[in-house]
N, C-alpha and C. Protein backbone atom coordinates (compact mmCIF):
# COMPACT_ATOMS: atom_id res chain seq x y z
N MET A 1 144.65 92.97 59.35
CA MET A 1 146.13 93.14 59.29
C MET A 1 146.83 92.77 60.63
N HIS A 2 146.34 91.83 61.23
CA HIS A 2 146.88 91.49 62.54
C HIS A 2 148.18 90.67 62.40
N LYS A 3 148.69 90.32 61.24
CA LYS A 3 149.91 89.62 61.12
C LYS A 3 151.01 90.51 60.68
N ILE A 4 150.84 91.97 60.96
CA ILE A 4 151.82 92.94 60.53
C ILE A 4 152.45 93.46 61.68
N LYS A 5 153.78 93.53 61.68
CA LYS A 5 154.64 94.20 62.75
C LYS A 5 154.70 95.63 62.35
N GLY A 6 153.95 96.52 63.02
CA GLY A 6 153.88 97.86 62.65
C GLY A 6 155.13 98.66 62.93
N PHE A 7 155.18 99.88 62.44
CA PHE A 7 156.37 100.84 62.63
C PHE A 7 155.98 101.79 63.78
N GLY A 8 154.85 101.63 64.47
CA GLY A 8 154.47 102.56 65.41
C GLY A 8 153.06 103.09 65.28
N THR A 9 152.83 104.26 65.48
CA THR A 9 151.51 105.00 65.25
C THR A 9 151.69 106.34 64.59
N LEU A 10 150.65 106.77 64.00
CA LEU A 10 150.62 108.19 63.53
C LEU A 10 149.42 108.85 64.06
N SER A 11 149.49 110.12 64.31
CA SER A 11 148.35 110.95 64.73
C SER A 11 147.55 111.34 63.55
N MET A 12 146.37 111.69 63.77
CA MET A 12 145.39 112.14 62.66
C MET A 12 146.04 113.46 62.06
N GLN A 13 146.69 114.27 62.91
CA GLN A 13 147.35 115.50 62.34
C GLN A 13 148.45 115.10 61.44
N GLU A 14 149.22 114.13 61.67
CA GLU A 14 150.26 113.75 60.72
C GLU A 14 149.70 113.13 59.48
N ILE A 15 148.65 112.46 59.48
CA ILE A 15 148.02 111.83 58.32
C ILE A 15 147.35 113.06 57.56
N ILE A 16 146.71 113.98 58.07
CA ILE A 16 146.18 115.12 57.39
C ILE A 16 147.33 115.92 56.76
N ARG A 17 148.44 116.06 57.37
CA ARG A 17 149.64 116.88 56.77
C ARG A 17 150.13 116.00 55.56
N LEU A 18 150.19 114.73 55.61
CA LEU A 18 150.58 113.89 54.61
C LEU A 18 149.70 113.92 53.42
N GLU A 19 148.33 113.91 53.65
CA GLU A 19 147.35 114.06 52.56
C GLU A 19 147.44 115.41 51.87
N LYS A 20 147.64 116.43 52.68
CA LYS A 20 147.73 117.80 51.98
C LYS A 20 149.08 117.98 51.17
N GLU A 21 150.16 117.47 51.71
CA GLU A 21 151.37 117.57 50.97
C GLU A 21 151.39 116.65 49.68
N MET A 22 150.67 115.54 49.67
CA MET A 22 150.62 114.65 48.58
C MET A 22 149.31 114.91 47.72
N HIS A 23 148.51 115.81 48.19
CA HIS A 23 147.30 116.11 47.37
C HIS A 23 146.43 114.89 47.14
N LEU A 24 146.29 114.08 48.20
CA LEU A 24 145.57 112.82 48.33
C LEU A 24 144.45 112.85 49.35
N ASN A 25 143.50 111.95 49.20
CA ASN A 25 142.62 111.73 50.33
C ASN A 25 142.62 110.28 50.52
N PHE A 26 143.11 109.83 51.65
CA PHE A 26 143.21 108.49 51.95
C PHE A 26 141.79 107.93 52.45
N PRO A 27 141.44 106.69 52.17
CA PRO A 27 140.22 106.05 52.62
C PRO A 27 140.37 105.95 54.20
N GLU A 28 139.12 106.08 54.80
CA GLU A 28 139.12 105.99 56.29
C GLU A 28 139.78 104.70 56.83
N GLU A 29 139.61 103.60 56.17
CA GLU A 29 140.32 102.36 56.66
C GLU A 29 141.77 102.42 56.65
N TYR A 30 142.37 103.08 55.56
CA TYR A 30 143.82 103.32 55.50
C TYR A 30 144.35 104.25 56.68
N LYS A 31 143.47 105.34 56.89
CA LYS A 31 143.86 106.13 57.99
C LYS A 31 143.89 105.45 59.27
N GLN A 32 142.91 104.59 59.47
CA GLN A 32 142.92 103.83 60.76
C GLN A 32 144.14 102.92 60.80
N PHE A 33 144.49 102.29 59.74
CA PHE A 33 145.62 101.48 59.56
C PHE A 33 146.95 102.26 60.01
N LEU A 34 147.10 103.45 59.33
CA LEU A 34 148.24 104.29 59.67
C LEU A 34 148.23 104.76 61.14
N MET A 35 147.07 105.10 61.66
CA MET A 35 147.06 105.42 63.07
C MET A 35 147.49 104.29 64.02
N ASN A 36 147.05 103.05 63.62
CA ASN A 36 147.37 101.84 64.50
C ASN A 36 148.66 101.27 64.25
N LYS A 37 149.17 101.23 63.07
CA LYS A 37 150.34 100.45 62.71
C LYS A 37 151.45 101.33 62.08
N ASN A 38 151.05 102.44 61.33
CA ASN A 38 151.96 103.26 60.58
C ASN A 38 152.81 102.41 59.58
N GLY A 39 152.09 101.60 58.79
CA GLY A 39 152.79 100.68 57.91
C GLY A 39 153.41 99.45 58.69
N GLY A 40 154.24 98.79 58.10
CA GLY A 40 154.87 97.60 58.80
C GLY A 40 155.31 96.58 57.78
N VAL A 41 155.78 95.46 58.41
CA VAL A 41 156.26 94.39 57.56
C VAL A 41 155.55 93.09 58.23
N PRO A 42 155.38 92.09 57.26
CA PRO A 42 154.65 90.89 57.79
C PRO A 42 155.49 90.25 58.94
N GLU A 43 154.83 89.62 59.88
CA GLU A 43 155.53 88.92 60.99
C GLU A 43 156.26 87.69 60.28
N GLU A 44 155.63 87.13 59.27
CA GLU A 44 156.26 86.08 58.52
C GLU A 44 157.02 86.61 57.31
N ASN A 45 157.48 85.82 56.48
CA ASN A 45 158.31 86.45 55.32
C ASN A 45 157.50 87.42 54.43
N TYR A 46 156.23 87.07 54.22
CA TYR A 46 155.30 87.93 53.45
C TYR A 46 153.85 87.46 53.64
N LEU A 47 153.00 88.30 53.35
CA LEU A 47 151.52 87.99 53.35
C LEU A 47 151.06 87.98 51.87
N SER A 48 150.08 87.08 51.73
CA SER A 48 149.50 86.98 50.35
C SER A 48 147.90 86.89 50.57
N THR A 49 147.22 87.26 49.52
CA THR A 49 145.82 87.24 49.41
C THR A 49 145.44 86.98 47.94
N LEU A 50 144.39 86.26 47.81
CA LEU A 50 143.83 86.00 46.45
C LEU A 50 142.81 86.96 45.98
N ILE A 51 142.91 87.36 44.77
CA ILE A 51 141.86 88.25 44.16
C ILE A 51 140.73 87.29 43.70
N PRO A 52 139.52 87.45 44.28
CA PRO A 52 138.43 86.51 43.98
C PRO A 52 138.09 86.47 42.52
N SER A 53 138.10 87.59 41.88
CA SER A 53 137.58 87.68 40.47
C SER A 53 138.45 86.87 39.50
N ASN A 54 139.76 86.65 39.77
CA ASN A 54 140.62 86.04 38.82
C ASN A 54 141.49 85.02 39.44
N GLY A 55 141.43 84.86 40.77
CA GLY A 55 142.16 83.85 41.45
C GLY A 55 143.79 84.17 41.49
N GLU A 56 144.09 85.42 41.03
CA GLU A 56 145.49 85.84 41.15
C GLU A 56 145.92 86.09 42.49
N GLU A 57 147.18 85.74 42.92
CA GLU A 57 147.70 86.05 44.29
C GLU A 57 148.44 87.30 44.25
N ILE A 58 148.19 88.09 45.32
CA ILE A 58 148.96 89.30 45.54
C ILE A 58 149.84 89.03 46.81
N VAL A 59 151.15 89.35 46.67
CA VAL A 59 152.18 89.13 47.62
C VAL A 59 152.61 90.47 48.19
N LEU A 60 152.52 90.60 49.50
CA LEU A 60 152.95 91.84 50.23
C LEU A 60 154.19 91.64 51.05
N GLY A 61 155.28 92.36 50.76
CA GLY A 61 156.44 92.25 51.47
C GLY A 61 156.64 93.32 52.58
N ALA A 62 155.92 94.46 52.30
CA ALA A 62 155.97 95.54 53.30
C ALA A 62 154.75 96.54 53.02
N LEU A 63 154.27 97.24 53.99
CA LEU A 63 153.31 98.25 53.82
C LEU A 63 153.91 99.53 54.30
N LEU A 64 153.83 100.53 53.47
CA LEU A 64 154.58 101.84 53.77
C LEU A 64 153.81 102.69 54.80
N GLY A 65 154.53 103.40 55.49
CA GLY A 65 154.03 104.39 56.48
C GLY A 65 154.96 105.55 56.43
N ILE A 66 155.00 106.30 57.54
CA ILE A 66 155.96 107.44 57.69
C ILE A 66 157.13 106.82 58.55
N ASN A 67 158.28 106.82 57.87
CA ASN A 67 159.33 106.04 58.42
C ASN A 67 160.69 106.67 58.08
N GLU A 68 161.66 106.67 58.91
CA GLU A 68 163.04 107.15 58.59
C GLU A 68 163.74 106.34 57.63
N ASN A 69 163.34 105.05 57.51
CA ASN A 69 164.02 104.19 56.55
C ASN A 69 163.33 104.38 55.24
N ASP A 70 164.04 104.99 54.17
CA ASP A 70 163.46 105.28 52.94
C ASP A 70 162.85 104.08 52.17
N ASN A 71 163.24 102.88 52.52
CA ASN A 71 162.67 101.60 51.88
C ASN A 71 161.19 101.40 52.34
N PHE A 72 160.77 101.96 53.47
CA PHE A 72 159.45 101.75 54.04
C PHE A 72 158.66 103.08 54.21
N ASP A 73 159.16 104.18 53.61
CA ASP A 73 158.59 105.54 53.86
C ASP A 73 157.72 105.90 52.68
N LEU A 74 156.47 106.18 52.86
CA LEU A 74 155.51 106.48 51.91
C LEU A 74 155.93 107.87 51.14
N GLU A 75 156.30 108.81 51.91
CA GLU A 75 156.73 110.08 51.23
C GLU A 75 157.98 109.92 50.30
N SER A 76 158.92 109.15 50.75
CA SER A 76 160.06 108.87 49.89
C SER A 76 159.80 108.10 48.68
N TYR A 77 158.91 107.13 48.87
CA TYR A 77 158.47 106.27 47.74
C TYR A 77 157.71 107.05 46.62
N LEU A 78 156.83 108.00 47.04
CA LEU A 78 156.08 108.70 46.04
C LEU A 78 156.88 109.95 45.59
């Protein structure tokens, strides 16, 4: 995810609090992403990737994190 302009960083304590409040267990890779980027938006208009099994394209406009902007905030979204 090097083409993502992140919203900052999160501490592991913030991630653990979020997991507990949402009754979720995030994968380790997602925790690392949140610690390093805290969500973000693509540096270009969007990112896309192909699903190998069916050739379908997935388009990403934003990745949610902990953010004061409700449009990009994981807690507000859920």
